N, C-alpha and C. Protein backbone atom coordinates (compact mmCIF):
# COMPACT_ATOMS: atom_id res chain seq x y z
N ARG A 1 22.48 39.63 71.14
CA ARG A 1 24.07 39.18 71.50
C ARG A 1 24.93 40.09 70.60
N ARG A 2 26.27 40.17 71.36
CA ARG A 2 27.13 40.82 70.72
C ARG A 2 28.16 39.98 70.38
N TRP A 3 28.80 40.31 69.09
CA TRP A 3 30.05 39.35 68.47
C TRP A 3 30.87 40.37 67.93
N ASN A 4 32.04 40.71 68.62
CA ASN A 4 33.01 41.66 67.77
C ASN A 4 32.40 42.98 67.53
N HIS A 5 31.34 43.42 68.32
CA HIS A 5 30.78 44.57 68.03
C HIS A 5 29.85 44.78 66.64
N LEU A 6 29.64 43.36 66.21
CA LEU A 6 28.71 43.45 65.31
C LEU A 6 27.57 42.82 65.52
N TYR A 7 26.27 43.67 65.57
CA TYR A 7 25.11 42.96 66.31
C TYR A 7 24.27 42.03 65.36
N LYS A 8 24.20 42.40 63.94
CA LYS A 8 23.26 41.57 63.14
C LYS A 8 24.00 40.11 62.91
N VAL A 9 25.15 40.10 62.89
CA VAL A 9 25.73 38.59 62.26
C VAL A 9 25.47 37.70 62.82
N PRO A 10 25.49 37.48 64.42
CA PRO A 10 25.06 36.38 65.15
C PRO A 10 23.76 36.06 64.81
N ALA A 11 22.71 36.87 64.68
CA ALA A 11 21.35 36.93 64.53
C ALA A 11 21.45 36.10 62.90
N LEU A 12 21.96 36.67 62.01
CA LEU A 12 22.04 36.03 60.78
C LEU A 12 22.60 34.76 60.72
N ALA A 13 23.64 34.41 61.19
CA ALA A 13 24.27 32.90 61.38
C ALA A 13 23.36 32.02 62.29
N SER A 14 22.49 32.66 63.08
CA SER A 14 21.64 31.45 63.98
C SER A 14 20.34 31.08 62.93
N TRP A 15 19.91 32.17 61.99
CA TRP A 15 18.90 31.82 61.15
C TRP A 15 19.53 30.95 60.17
N LEU A 16 20.40 31.16 59.55
CA LEU A 16 21.08 30.39 58.51
C LEU A 16 21.30 28.85 58.96
N ALA A 17 21.88 28.70 59.89
CA ALA A 17 22.24 27.47 60.56
C ALA A 17 20.91 26.40 60.51
N THR A 18 19.92 27.13 60.38
CA THR A 18 18.51 26.17 60.49
C THR A 18 18.05 25.85 58.95
N LEU A 19 18.72 26.35 57.84
CA LEU A 19 18.29 26.28 56.70
C LEU A 19 19.25 25.05 56.09
N PRO A 20 18.63 24.52 54.96
CA PRO A 20 19.50 23.61 54.11
C PRO A 20 20.45 24.39 53.36
N PRO A 21 21.92 23.91 53.24
CA PRO A 21 22.84 24.73 52.53
C PRO A 21 22.65 25.13 51.21
N ASP A 22 21.78 24.54 50.47
CA ASP A 22 21.45 25.04 48.93
C ASP A 22 20.42 25.93 48.87
N ASP A 23 19.53 26.24 50.14
CA ASP A 23 18.47 27.26 49.87
C ASP A 23 19.10 28.63 49.45
N LEU A 24 18.29 29.45 48.70
CA LEU A 24 18.64 30.79 48.45
C LEU A 24 18.03 31.57 49.59
N VAL A 25 19.05 32.59 49.88
CA VAL A 25 18.53 33.41 51.03
C VAL A 25 18.77 34.85 50.72
N VAL A 26 18.03 35.82 50.96
CA VAL A 26 18.30 37.33 50.81
C VAL A 26 18.17 38.01 52.13
N PHE A 27 19.08 38.77 52.57
CA PHE A 27 19.01 39.36 53.59
C PHE A 27 19.29 41.02 53.63
N VAL A 28 18.40 41.46 54.06
CA VAL A 28 18.35 43.16 53.83
C VAL A 28 18.42 43.81 55.28
N ASP A 29 18.85 44.86 55.35
CA ASP A 29 18.88 45.74 56.49
C ASP A 29 17.15 46.11 56.96
N GLY A 30 16.92 46.29 57.83
CA GLY A 30 15.81 46.56 58.27
C GLY A 30 15.05 47.85 58.26
N ALA A 31 15.88 48.73 58.79
CA ALA A 31 15.40 50.20 59.20
C ALA A 31 15.62 50.88 57.90
N ASP A 32 16.35 50.63 56.92
CA ASP A 32 16.79 51.69 55.80
C ASP A 32 16.54 51.06 54.53
N VAL A 33 15.84 50.17 54.38
CA VAL A 33 15.63 49.58 52.96
C VAL A 33 14.24 49.42 52.73
N ALA A 34 13.82 49.91 51.26
CA ALA A 34 12.37 49.91 50.95
C ALA A 34 12.36 48.78 49.72
N VAL A 35 11.01 48.23 49.56
CA VAL A 35 10.84 47.50 48.32
C VAL A 35 10.54 48.80 47.30
N HIS A 36 11.13 48.42 46.03
CA HIS A 36 10.98 49.48 44.86
C HIS A 36 10.38 48.81 43.95
N ASP A 37 10.75 49.14 42.53
CA ASP A 37 9.91 48.70 41.47
C ASP A 37 9.99 47.00 41.04
N CYS A 38 11.00 46.59 41.13
CA CYS A 38 11.46 45.12 40.99
C CYS A 38 10.64 44.60 39.82
N GLY A 39 10.84 45.41 38.45
CA GLY A 39 10.38 44.89 37.30
C GLY A 39 8.97 44.99 37.12
N GLY A 40 8.11 45.99 38.20
CA GLY A 40 6.72 46.06 38.17
C GLY A 40 6.07 44.82 38.94
N ALA A 41 6.58 44.17 39.68
CA ALA A 41 6.09 43.09 40.40
C ALA A 41 5.10 43.77 41.32
N THR A 42 4.09 43.15 41.41
CA THR A 42 3.12 43.57 42.45
C THR A 42 2.83 42.39 43.56
N GLY A 43 2.72 42.80 44.75
CA GLY A 43 2.23 41.71 45.72
C GLY A 43 3.75 40.81 46.22
N PRO A 44 3.68 40.42 47.27
CA PRO A 44 4.84 39.53 48.05
C PRO A 44 5.06 38.41 47.23
N ASP A 45 4.33 37.64 46.68
CA ASP A 45 4.75 36.42 45.95
C ASP A 45 5.50 36.68 44.60
N ALA A 46 4.98 37.93 43.87
CA ALA A 46 5.58 38.38 42.59
C ALA A 46 6.64 38.93 43.09
N VAL A 47 6.96 39.63 44.06
CA VAL A 47 8.44 40.38 44.16
C VAL A 47 9.43 39.25 44.53
N LEU A 48 8.81 38.31 45.54
CA LEU A 48 9.94 37.19 45.76
C LEU A 48 10.36 36.46 44.49
N ALA A 49 9.47 36.16 43.84
CA ALA A 49 9.65 35.39 42.57
C ALA A 49 10.94 36.21 41.77
N GLU A 50 10.58 37.26 41.50
CA GLU A 50 11.38 38.13 40.73
C GLU A 50 12.75 38.43 41.48
N VAL A 51 12.81 38.79 42.71
CA VAL A 51 13.99 38.61 43.23
C VAL A 51 14.90 37.29 43.24
N ARG A 52 14.15 36.00 43.02
CA ARG A 52 14.85 34.91 43.01
C ARG A 52 15.46 34.86 41.57
N ARG A 53 14.60 35.27 40.62
CA ARG A 53 15.07 35.26 39.58
C ARG A 53 16.47 36.15 39.08
N ARG A 54 16.44 37.25 39.70
CA ARG A 54 17.44 38.09 39.38
C ARG A 54 18.82 37.51 40.38
N LEU A 55 18.47 37.11 41.42
CA LEU A 55 19.56 36.45 42.33
C LEU A 55 20.29 35.32 41.69
N MET A 56 19.43 34.33 41.09
CA MET A 56 20.03 33.22 40.19
C MET A 56 20.90 33.65 39.10
N THR A 57 20.39 34.83 38.39
CA THR A 57 21.06 35.31 37.16
C THR A 57 22.51 35.86 37.67
N LEU A 58 22.57 36.70 38.95
CA LEU A 58 23.62 37.28 39.46
C LEU A 58 24.75 36.04 39.73
N LEU A 59 24.22 35.18 40.29
CA LEU A 59 25.01 34.17 40.79
C LEU A 59 25.73 33.30 39.51
N ASP A 60 24.75 33.32 38.51
CA ASP A 60 25.25 32.75 37.28
C ASP A 60 26.32 33.64 36.55
N VAL A 61 26.00 34.72 36.28
CA VAL A 61 26.82 35.50 35.59
C VAL A 61 28.20 35.90 36.22
N GLY A 62 27.93 36.02 37.59
CA GLY A 62 29.12 36.11 38.44
C GLY A 62 30.02 34.87 39.18
N ASN A 63 29.26 33.73 38.53
CA ASN A 63 30.00 32.55 38.98
C ASN A 63 30.30 32.52 40.57
N ALA A 64 29.27 32.99 41.09
CA ALA A 64 29.22 33.06 42.62
C ALA A 64 28.27 32.34 43.54
N THR A 65 28.56 32.32 44.78
CA THR A 65 27.73 31.94 45.66
C THR A 65 27.11 32.82 46.79
N VAL A 66 27.54 33.87 46.73
CA VAL A 66 27.20 35.22 47.47
C VAL A 66 27.16 36.51 46.76
N VAL A 67 26.28 37.44 46.93
CA VAL A 67 26.03 38.55 46.20
C VAL A 67 26.04 39.69 47.59
N PHE A 68 26.85 40.67 47.27
CA PHE A 68 26.67 42.07 48.27
C PHE A 68 25.96 42.98 47.16
N GLY A 69 25.41 44.00 47.71
CA GLY A 69 25.16 45.13 47.07
C GLY A 69 26.12 46.26 46.60
N ALA A 70 26.10 46.78 45.66
CA ALA A 70 27.27 47.73 45.38
C ALA A 70 27.04 49.22 45.32
N GLU A 71 27.74 50.20 45.81
CA GLU A 71 27.72 51.35 45.95
C GLU A 71 28.99 52.13 45.35
N LEU A 72 28.72 53.48 45.31
CA LEU A 72 29.67 54.40 44.58
C LEU A 72 30.81 54.67 45.58
N ASN A 73 30.66 54.56 46.89
CA ASN A 73 31.64 54.90 47.83
C ASN A 73 32.23 53.90 48.51
N ALA A 74 33.57 53.91 49.24
CA ALA A 74 34.10 53.16 49.87
C ALA A 74 34.22 53.31 51.12
N TYR A 75 33.72 52.14 52.19
CA TYR A 75 33.48 52.44 53.46
C TYR A 75 33.89 51.08 54.43
N ASP A 76 34.94 51.15 55.12
CA ASP A 76 35.38 50.30 55.96
C ASP A 76 35.91 49.18 54.89
N VAL A 77 36.52 49.40 53.89
CA VAL A 77 37.36 48.31 52.92
C VAL A 77 38.90 48.30 53.33
N ASP A 78 39.23 49.40 54.05
CA ASP A 78 40.57 49.51 54.34
C ASP A 78 41.56 49.43 53.38
N GLU A 79 42.81 48.77 53.36
CA GLU A 79 43.64 48.77 52.18
C GLU A 79 43.21 47.89 51.05
N ASP A 80 42.18 46.99 51.41
CA ASP A 80 41.93 45.90 50.60
C ASP A 80 41.59 46.44 49.08
N PRO A 81 42.39 45.63 47.90
CA PRO A 81 41.81 46.25 46.57
C PRO A 81 40.38 45.92 46.30
N VAL A 82 39.97 46.92 45.61
CA VAL A 82 38.54 46.73 45.03
C VAL A 82 38.63 46.76 43.51
N PRO A 83 38.45 45.55 42.75
CA PRO A 83 38.06 45.63 41.31
C PRO A 83 37.31 46.38 40.61
N PRO A 84 37.52 46.54 39.47
CA PRO A 84 36.57 47.35 38.65
C PRO A 84 35.41 46.44 38.14
N PRO A 85 34.35 46.95 37.99
CA PRO A 85 33.26 46.06 37.52
C PRO A 85 33.62 44.91 36.18
N PRO A 86 33.43 43.82 36.20
CA PRO A 86 33.60 43.07 35.02
C PRO A 86 33.04 43.32 33.79
N ALA A 87 33.63 42.90 32.84
CA ALA A 87 33.10 43.37 31.23
C ALA A 87 31.48 43.03 31.30
N TRP A 88 31.12 41.81 31.78
CA TRP A 88 29.80 41.81 31.19
C TRP A 88 28.80 42.83 31.76
N VAL A 89 28.93 43.78 33.01
CA VAL A 89 28.04 44.75 33.37
C VAL A 89 27.97 45.74 32.41
N GLY A 90 28.80 46.25 31.51
CA GLY A 90 28.62 47.18 30.35
C GLY A 90 27.39 46.58 29.62
N THR A 91 27.45 45.36 29.06
CA THR A 91 26.07 44.69 28.35
C THR A 91 24.95 44.73 29.11
N ALA A 92 25.20 44.44 30.35
CA ALA A 92 23.94 44.03 31.26
C ALA A 92 23.23 45.16 31.77
N CYS A 93 23.96 46.23 31.89
CA CYS A 93 23.30 47.54 32.35
C CYS A 93 24.07 48.61 31.87
N PRO A 94 24.02 48.76 30.70
CA PRO A 94 24.90 50.24 29.91
C PRO A 94 24.76 51.48 30.76
N ASN A 95 23.35 51.87 31.37
CA ASN A 95 23.27 53.20 31.90
C ASN A 95 24.15 53.11 33.29
N VAL A 96 23.69 52.36 34.17
CA VAL A 96 24.43 52.08 35.06
C VAL A 96 25.97 51.85 35.37
N ALA A 97 26.45 51.27 34.27
CA ALA A 97 27.76 51.08 34.18
C ALA A 97 28.43 52.30 33.46
N ASP A 98 27.79 53.36 33.13
CA ASP A 98 28.34 54.45 32.39
C ASP A 98 28.94 55.73 33.61
N PRO A 99 30.18 55.80 33.67
CA PRO A 99 30.63 56.72 34.66
C PRO A 99 29.86 58.06 34.33
N ALA A 100 29.62 58.54 33.25
CA ALA A 100 28.84 59.69 33.00
C ALA A 100 27.62 60.07 33.56
N TRP A 101 26.80 58.63 33.23
CA TRP A 101 25.41 58.82 33.77
C TRP A 101 25.68 58.79 35.33
N LEU A 102 26.58 58.07 36.22
CA LEU A 102 26.53 58.00 37.27
C LEU A 102 26.85 59.49 37.81
N ALA A 103 27.73 60.05 37.19
CA ALA A 103 28.35 61.43 37.63
C ALA A 103 27.34 62.35 37.76
N ALA A 104 26.49 62.38 36.86
CA ALA A 104 25.26 63.34 36.59
C ALA A 104 24.28 63.25 37.71
N ARG A 105 24.48 62.14 38.30
CA ARG A 105 23.27 61.82 39.43
C ARG A 105 23.89 61.73 40.87
N SER A 106 25.23 61.95 40.78
CA SER A 106 26.08 61.90 42.23
C SER A 106 26.47 63.15 43.01
N ASP A 107 26.61 62.93 44.33
CA ASP A 107 27.35 63.91 44.92
C ASP A 107 28.72 63.75 45.35
N CYS A 108 29.48 63.07 44.53
CA CYS A 108 30.88 62.54 44.87
C CYS A 108 31.84 63.67 45.19
N ASP A 109 31.60 64.98 44.91
CA ASP A 109 32.54 66.06 45.03
C ASP A 109 32.42 66.82 46.17
N THR A 110 31.32 66.40 47.08
CA THR A 110 31.17 67.04 48.21
C THR A 110 32.07 66.70 49.32
N GLY A 111 33.00 65.77 49.15
CA GLY A 111 34.25 65.54 49.94
C GLY A 111 33.46 64.99 51.43
N PHE A 112 32.39 64.63 51.48
CA PHE A 112 31.81 64.18 52.90
C PHE A 112 32.56 62.90 53.17
N TRP A 113 32.85 62.89 54.52
CA TRP A 113 33.63 62.14 55.45
C TRP A 113 33.50 60.50 55.03
N LEU A 114 32.40 60.16 54.80
CA LEU A 114 31.93 58.60 55.07
C LEU A 114 32.54 57.95 53.60
N GLY A 115 33.96 57.81 53.47
CA GLY A 115 34.36 57.21 52.28
C GLY A 115 34.43 57.87 51.01
N GLU A 116 35.36 57.51 50.21
CA GLU A 116 35.52 58.16 48.74
C GLU A 116 34.81 57.41 47.76
N CYS A 117 34.12 58.22 46.78
CA CYS A 117 33.81 57.60 45.49
C CYS A 117 34.95 57.25 44.86
N SER A 118 34.43 56.21 43.80
CA SER A 118 35.65 55.89 42.89
C SER A 118 35.53 56.99 42.12
N SER A 119 36.81 57.08 41.09
CA SER A 119 36.78 58.11 40.19
C SER A 119 37.32 57.53 38.81
N PRO A 120 36.45 57.46 37.75
CA PRO A 120 35.14 58.16 37.83
C PRO A 120 34.33 57.31 38.76
N PRO A 121 33.05 57.77 39.05
CA PRO A 121 32.02 57.06 39.69
C PRO A 121 31.48 55.81 39.31
N ARG A 122 31.71 54.77 39.90
CA ARG A 122 30.95 53.34 39.48
C ARG A 122 30.40 52.66 40.45
N LEU A 123 29.46 51.89 40.48
CA LEU A 123 29.06 51.03 41.65
C LEU A 123 29.98 49.80 41.44
N MET A 124 30.95 49.88 42.46
CA MET A 124 31.82 48.95 42.30
C MET A 124 32.36 48.53 43.96
N TYR A 125 31.85 49.30 44.83
CA TYR A 125 32.13 49.06 46.29
C TYR A 125 31.16 48.22 47.05
N PRO A 126 31.72 47.24 47.93
CA PRO A 126 30.71 46.27 48.68
C PRO A 126 29.92 47.10 49.57
N ASN A 127 28.46 46.73 49.68
CA ASN A 127 27.94 47.34 50.82
C ASN A 127 26.79 46.02 51.22
N THR A 128 26.66 45.55 52.44
CA THR A 128 26.12 44.61 53.18
C THR A 128 24.86 44.86 53.63
N GLY A 129 24.19 46.06 53.24
CA GLY A 129 22.74 46.22 53.37
C GLY A 129 21.86 45.12 52.88
N LEU A 130 22.57 44.61 51.73
CA LEU A 130 21.90 43.25 51.02
C LEU A 130 22.93 42.32 50.87
N VAL A 131 22.73 41.10 51.67
CA VAL A 131 23.57 40.17 51.19
C VAL A 131 22.51 38.63 50.85
N ALA A 132 23.32 38.20 49.90
CA ALA A 132 22.08 37.11 49.22
C ALA A 132 23.08 35.93 48.69
N GLY A 133 22.55 34.85 48.63
CA GLY A 133 23.04 33.79 47.97
C GLY A 133 22.60 32.51 48.63
N THR A 134 23.27 31.40 48.42
CA THR A 134 23.19 29.96 49.16
C THR A 134 23.19 30.06 50.68
N ALA A 135 22.54 29.47 51.31
CA ALA A 135 22.45 29.62 52.75
C ALA A 135 23.75 29.22 53.47
N GLY A 136 24.55 28.08 52.79
CA GLY A 136 25.61 27.50 53.19
C GLY A 136 26.67 28.51 53.21
N ALA A 137 26.75 29.23 51.73
CA ALA A 137 27.94 30.01 51.42
C ALA A 137 27.75 31.33 52.41
N VAL A 138 26.40 31.77 52.54
CA VAL A 138 26.27 33.18 53.51
C VAL A 138 26.68 32.90 54.74
N LEU A 139 26.34 31.43 55.32
CA LEU A 139 26.87 30.95 56.73
C LEU A 139 28.22 30.83 56.83
N GLU A 140 28.80 30.60 55.81
CA GLU A 140 30.32 30.46 55.92
C GLU A 140 30.92 32.15 56.12
N VAL A 141 30.45 32.98 55.53
CA VAL A 141 30.77 34.36 55.59
C VAL A 141 30.38 34.65 56.93
N ALA A 142 29.19 34.58 57.48
CA ALA A 142 28.75 35.03 58.70
C ALA A 142 29.52 34.30 60.05
N THR A 143 29.97 33.26 59.91
CA THR A 143 30.50 32.57 60.81
C THR A 143 32.21 32.75 60.75
N ARG A 144 32.68 32.73 59.52
CA ARG A 144 33.98 32.75 59.60
C ARG A 144 34.65 34.06 59.61
N ALA A 145 34.07 34.82 58.71
CA ALA A 145 34.72 36.30 58.18
C ALA A 145 34.84 36.97 59.46
N VAL A 146 34.07 37.04 60.39
CA VAL A 146 34.16 37.88 61.64
C VAL A 146 35.45 37.54 62.70
N VAL A 147 35.90 36.22 62.89
CA VAL A 147 36.90 35.71 63.26
C VAL A 147 38.03 35.40 62.40
N ALA A 148 37.94 35.56 61.34
CA ALA A 148 38.97 35.22 60.42
C ALA A 148 40.34 35.72 60.74
N LYS A 149 41.28 34.93 61.05
CA LYS A 149 42.74 35.40 60.94
C LYS A 149 43.10 36.35 59.89
N GLY A 150 43.51 37.58 60.32
CA GLY A 150 44.12 38.57 59.28
C GLY A 150 43.01 39.25 58.64
N ALA A 151 41.50 39.29 58.87
CA ALA A 151 40.91 39.92 58.28
C ALA A 151 40.50 41.28 59.03
N LYS A 152 40.07 42.45 58.33
CA LYS A 152 40.33 43.47 58.78
C LYS A 152 38.88 44.28 58.69
N GLY A 153 38.53 45.45 59.41
CA GLY A 153 37.37 45.91 59.42
C GLY A 153 36.78 46.00 60.87
N VAL A 154 35.88 47.11 61.03
CA VAL A 154 35.37 47.37 62.19
C VAL A 154 33.74 47.24 62.17
N THR A 155 33.17 46.81 61.01
CA THR A 155 31.97 46.31 60.70
C THR A 155 31.91 45.32 60.09
N ASP A 156 30.55 44.58 59.84
CA ASP A 156 30.35 43.57 59.12
C ASP A 156 30.91 43.70 57.65
N GLN A 157 30.53 44.83 57.13
CA GLN A 157 30.95 45.12 55.75
C GLN A 157 32.28 45.05 55.58
N GLY A 158 33.14 45.69 56.52
CA GLY A 158 34.56 45.77 56.08
C GLY A 158 35.38 44.26 56.45
N ARG A 159 34.70 43.37 57.37
CA ARG A 159 35.39 42.16 57.58
C ARG A 159 34.77 41.11 56.49
N PHE A 160 33.55 41.31 56.20
CA PHE A 160 33.12 40.32 55.00
C PHE A 160 34.06 40.64 53.88
N TRP A 161 34.16 42.00 53.55
CA TRP A 161 34.92 42.39 52.20
C TRP A 161 36.38 41.70 52.19
N SER A 162 37.10 42.04 53.44
CA SER A 162 38.51 41.43 53.70
C SER A 162 38.48 39.99 53.72
N TYR A 163 37.40 39.27 53.96
CA TYR A 163 37.40 38.10 54.06
C TYR A 163 37.70 37.30 52.61
N PHE A 164 36.98 37.95 51.39
CA PHE A 164 37.22 37.79 50.31
C PHE A 164 38.34 38.36 49.62
N ALA A 165 38.75 39.69 49.99
CA ALA A 165 39.83 40.10 49.20
C ALA A 165 41.04 39.65 49.67
N ARG A 166 41.30 39.25 51.01
CA ARG A 166 42.58 38.56 51.41
C ARG A 166 42.64 36.97 50.98
N GLY A 167 41.55 36.46 50.63
CA GLY A 167 41.49 35.06 50.11
C GLY A 167 41.29 34.21 51.48
N ARG A 168 40.71 34.70 52.37
CA ARG A 168 40.36 33.98 53.50
C ARG A 168 39.19 32.84 53.31
N ASN A 169 38.42 33.07 52.22
CA ASN A 169 37.10 32.36 52.02
C ASN A 169 37.42 31.06 51.46
N GLU A 170 36.71 29.87 51.99
CA GLU A 170 36.98 28.41 51.63
C GLU A 170 36.29 27.84 50.35
N ARG A 171 34.84 28.25 50.57
CA ARG A 171 33.95 27.84 49.49
C ARG A 171 33.22 28.93 48.84
N ALA A 172 32.91 29.95 49.63
CA ALA A 172 31.84 31.04 49.18
C ALA A 172 32.92 31.81 48.30
N THR A 173 31.94 32.15 47.05
CA THR A 173 32.71 33.09 46.21
C THR A 173 31.85 34.12 45.87
N LEU A 174 32.34 35.60 45.60
CA LEU A 174 31.40 36.84 45.81
C LEU A 174 31.28 37.45 44.34
N ALA A 175 30.00 37.84 44.20
CA ALA A 175 29.87 38.75 43.41
C ALA A 175 29.14 39.82 43.75
N LEU A 176 29.47 41.28 43.09
CA LEU A 176 28.57 42.44 43.58
C LEU A 176 27.36 42.48 42.59
N ASP A 177 26.25 43.06 43.24
CA ASP A 177 25.28 43.68 42.31
C ASP A 177 25.66 45.07 41.56
N TYR A 178 26.42 44.94 40.66
CA TYR A 178 27.03 45.87 39.89
C TYR A 178 25.75 46.74 39.21
N CYS A 179 24.63 46.27 38.88
CA CYS A 179 23.65 46.81 38.04
C CYS A 179 22.55 47.25 38.88
N ALA A 180 22.69 47.08 40.13
CA ALA A 180 21.57 47.47 41.07
C ALA A 180 20.17 46.90 40.69
N ALA A 181 20.46 45.56 40.25
CA ALA A 181 19.37 44.76 39.96
C ALA A 181 18.55 44.13 41.27
N LEU A 182 19.43 43.94 42.52
CA LEU A 182 18.68 43.69 43.54
C LEU A 182 18.25 44.99 44.43
N VAL A 183 19.52 45.38 44.61
CA VAL A 183 19.46 46.91 45.61
C VAL A 183 20.15 48.11 44.85
N LEU A 184 19.76 49.30 44.88
CA LEU A 184 20.06 50.53 44.71
C LEU A 184 20.70 51.07 46.06
N ASN A 185 21.87 51.24 46.34
CA ASN A 185 22.49 51.84 47.42
C ASN A 185 22.50 53.26 47.26
N ALA A 186 21.61 54.06 47.95
CA ALA A 186 21.36 55.75 47.49
C ALA A 186 22.28 56.57 47.99
N PHE A 187 23.07 55.98 48.82
CA PHE A 187 24.16 57.25 49.44
C PHE A 187 25.03 57.45 48.20
N ARG A 188 25.51 58.79 48.27
CA ARG A 188 26.36 59.36 47.18
C ARG A 188 25.58 59.78 46.13
N PHE A 189 24.29 59.42 45.88
CA PHE A 189 23.65 60.01 44.71
C PHE A 189 23.14 61.49 45.24
N LEU A 190 22.73 62.27 44.19
CA LEU A 190 22.10 63.54 44.75
C LEU A 190 20.98 63.45 45.78
N PRO A 191 20.80 64.18 46.65
CA PRO A 191 19.49 64.33 47.29
C PRO A 191 18.28 64.27 46.54
N SER A 192 18.28 65.13 45.26
CA SER A 192 17.11 65.01 44.49
C SER A 192 17.16 63.80 43.66
N ALA A 193 18.04 63.10 43.63
CA ALA A 193 17.92 61.72 42.98
C ALA A 193 17.67 60.47 43.74
N ARG A 194 17.79 60.96 45.06
CA ARG A 194 17.11 59.70 46.04
C ARG A 194 15.55 59.96 46.39
N ARG A 195 15.05 60.98 45.99
CA ARG A 195 13.70 61.05 46.57
C ARG A 195 12.79 60.53 45.60
N GLN A 196 11.51 60.08 46.19
CA GLN A 196 10.56 59.46 45.69
C GLN A 196 9.58 60.21 44.66
N ARG A 197 10.07 60.66 43.78
CA ARG A 197 9.16 61.51 42.96
C ARG A 197 9.62 61.26 41.36
N GLN A 198 9.13 61.89 40.39
CA GLN A 198 9.25 61.76 39.18
C GLN A 198 10.62 62.34 38.55
N GLY A 199 11.30 61.87 37.73
CA GLY A 199 12.53 62.45 37.20
C GLY A 199 13.87 62.12 38.18
N THR A 200 13.81 61.22 39.38
CA THR A 200 14.81 60.89 40.16
C THR A 200 15.29 59.42 39.49
N ILE A 201 16.61 59.08 39.89
CA ILE A 201 17.07 58.08 39.61
C ILE A 201 16.25 56.80 40.12
N LEU A 202 15.31 56.89 40.71
CA LEU A 202 14.40 55.67 41.01
C LEU A 202 13.64 55.42 39.94
N ASP A 203 13.32 56.23 39.04
CA ASP A 203 12.56 55.91 37.80
C ASP A 203 13.50 55.34 36.75
N ASP A 204 14.95 55.54 36.90
CA ASP A 204 15.75 55.06 35.84
C ASP A 204 16.34 53.47 36.19
N VAL A 205 16.20 53.22 37.62
CA VAL A 205 16.70 51.75 38.06
C VAL A 205 15.50 51.26 38.55
N ASP A 206 15.09 49.57 37.99
CA ASP A 206 14.13 49.13 38.46
C ASP A 206 14.59 47.90 39.75
N SER A 207 15.39 48.51 40.44
CA SER A 207 15.96 47.53 41.52
C SER A 207 14.70 46.98 42.43
N CYS A 208 14.95 45.84 43.08
CA CYS A 208 13.94 45.31 43.82
C CYS A 208 13.83 45.99 45.25
N PHE A 209 14.99 46.47 45.61
CA PHE A 209 14.94 47.47 46.92
C PHE A 209 15.80 48.44 46.77
N VAL A 210 15.61 49.62 47.44
CA VAL A 210 16.41 50.79 47.58
C VAL A 210 16.85 50.90 48.93
N HIS A 211 18.25 51.17 49.21
CA HIS A 211 18.84 51.06 50.47
C HIS A 211 19.51 52.73 50.83
N TYR A 212 18.84 53.19 51.84
CA TYR A 212 19.57 54.34 52.32
C TYR A 212 20.42 54.39 53.28
N PRO A 213 21.69 53.91 53.00
CA PRO A 213 22.88 53.75 54.26
C PRO A 213 23.44 55.21 54.58
N GLY A 214 23.86 54.88 55.94
CA GLY A 214 24.71 56.08 56.49
C GLY A 214 23.86 57.50 56.16
N PRO A 215 24.42 58.48 55.69
CA PRO A 215 23.77 59.85 55.89
C PRO A 215 22.61 59.96 55.14
N ALA A 216 22.35 58.86 54.07
CA ALA A 216 21.19 58.98 53.02
C ALA A 216 20.13 58.66 53.98
N LYS A 217 20.13 58.40 55.26
CA LYS A 217 18.85 57.99 56.12
C LYS A 217 18.09 59.54 56.26
N HIS A 218 18.64 60.59 55.94
CA HIS A 218 17.99 61.72 56.10
C HIS A 218 16.81 62.10 55.02
N PHE A 219 16.80 61.23 54.26
CA PHE A 219 15.60 61.20 53.53
C PHE A 219 14.45 60.58 54.26
N TRP A 220 14.60 59.49 55.07
CA TRP A 220 13.41 59.21 56.09
C TRP A 220 13.05 60.22 57.17
N ARG A 221 14.01 60.72 57.57
CA ARG A 221 13.96 61.71 58.64
C ARG A 221 13.01 62.83 58.08
N ALA A 222 13.61 63.47 56.90
CA ALA A 222 12.88 64.52 56.04
C ALA A 222 11.51 64.07 55.87
N ARG A 223 11.24 62.72 55.41
CA ARG A 223 9.77 62.52 55.16
C ARG A 223 8.96 62.25 56.18
N ALA A 224 9.43 61.84 57.45
CA ALA A 224 8.86 61.88 58.66
C ALA A 224 8.45 63.13 59.13
N ARG A 225 9.45 64.02 59.15
CA ARG A 225 9.01 65.47 59.37
C ARG A 225 7.88 66.03 58.59
N ALA A 226 7.88 65.70 57.36
CA ALA A 226 7.05 66.23 56.38
C ALA A 226 5.63 65.56 57.12
N ARG A 227 5.37 64.52 57.18
CA ARG A 227 4.22 63.80 57.55
C ARG A 227 3.73 64.36 58.64
N ARG A 228 4.62 64.64 59.83
CA ARG A 228 4.16 65.10 61.08
C ARG A 228 3.66 66.70 60.68
N ALA A 229 4.39 67.15 60.09
CA ALA A 229 3.92 68.62 59.83
C ALA A 229 2.48 68.59 59.26
N GLY A 230 2.27 67.60 58.42
CA GLY A 230 0.89 67.37 57.79
C GLY A 230 -0.04 67.05 58.57
N ASP A 231 0.27 66.22 60.05
CA ASP A 231 -0.67 66.29 60.78
C ASP A 231 -0.85 67.04 61.53
């Protein structure tokens, strides 16, 4: 089904409507998200338990009911303000919260068209490659944000963010995954930092998922080409 040019939103809403509102849910994009370290958890049950623990922590420290992933660049946030990371981030993840640490691993100076990095670079922009929280709160966002009067944006990401930034939300409250505890959004990191080999950012951050949004998908294309060449 198609809903305001947003394809995954009605499917998400239909699924959420079948769940008790206090259930915890985690929604990730299907084609460009991979399971990562997740604190060394092995096996589906252990990964899910660690995801739940981290999500509960984020909801608690962020005083929130909904969590979005965070990334270095702004895409489809229109003119809506994006606040800097809150004070607790510096204590929770001093490396990831350090602009110099991020700058050494980012390609923010390339001037690529798909959004601008914060300056200095910080994980502070919303990305809906991962949306998590209580089922009732995420359902509110999925059903109301797309049609909310005054909401802006051409993607679910833009309209979801606008929904919160313009105070359209009724009960749902938002936190971003500033520490990449749940998901590391790999766009705007250096190509060498995105690759799965020793010495990359993937060794420095133990996110449960890694997301290759937008042009970062060339990681997958390059890996597929290499595998075909090996065959």
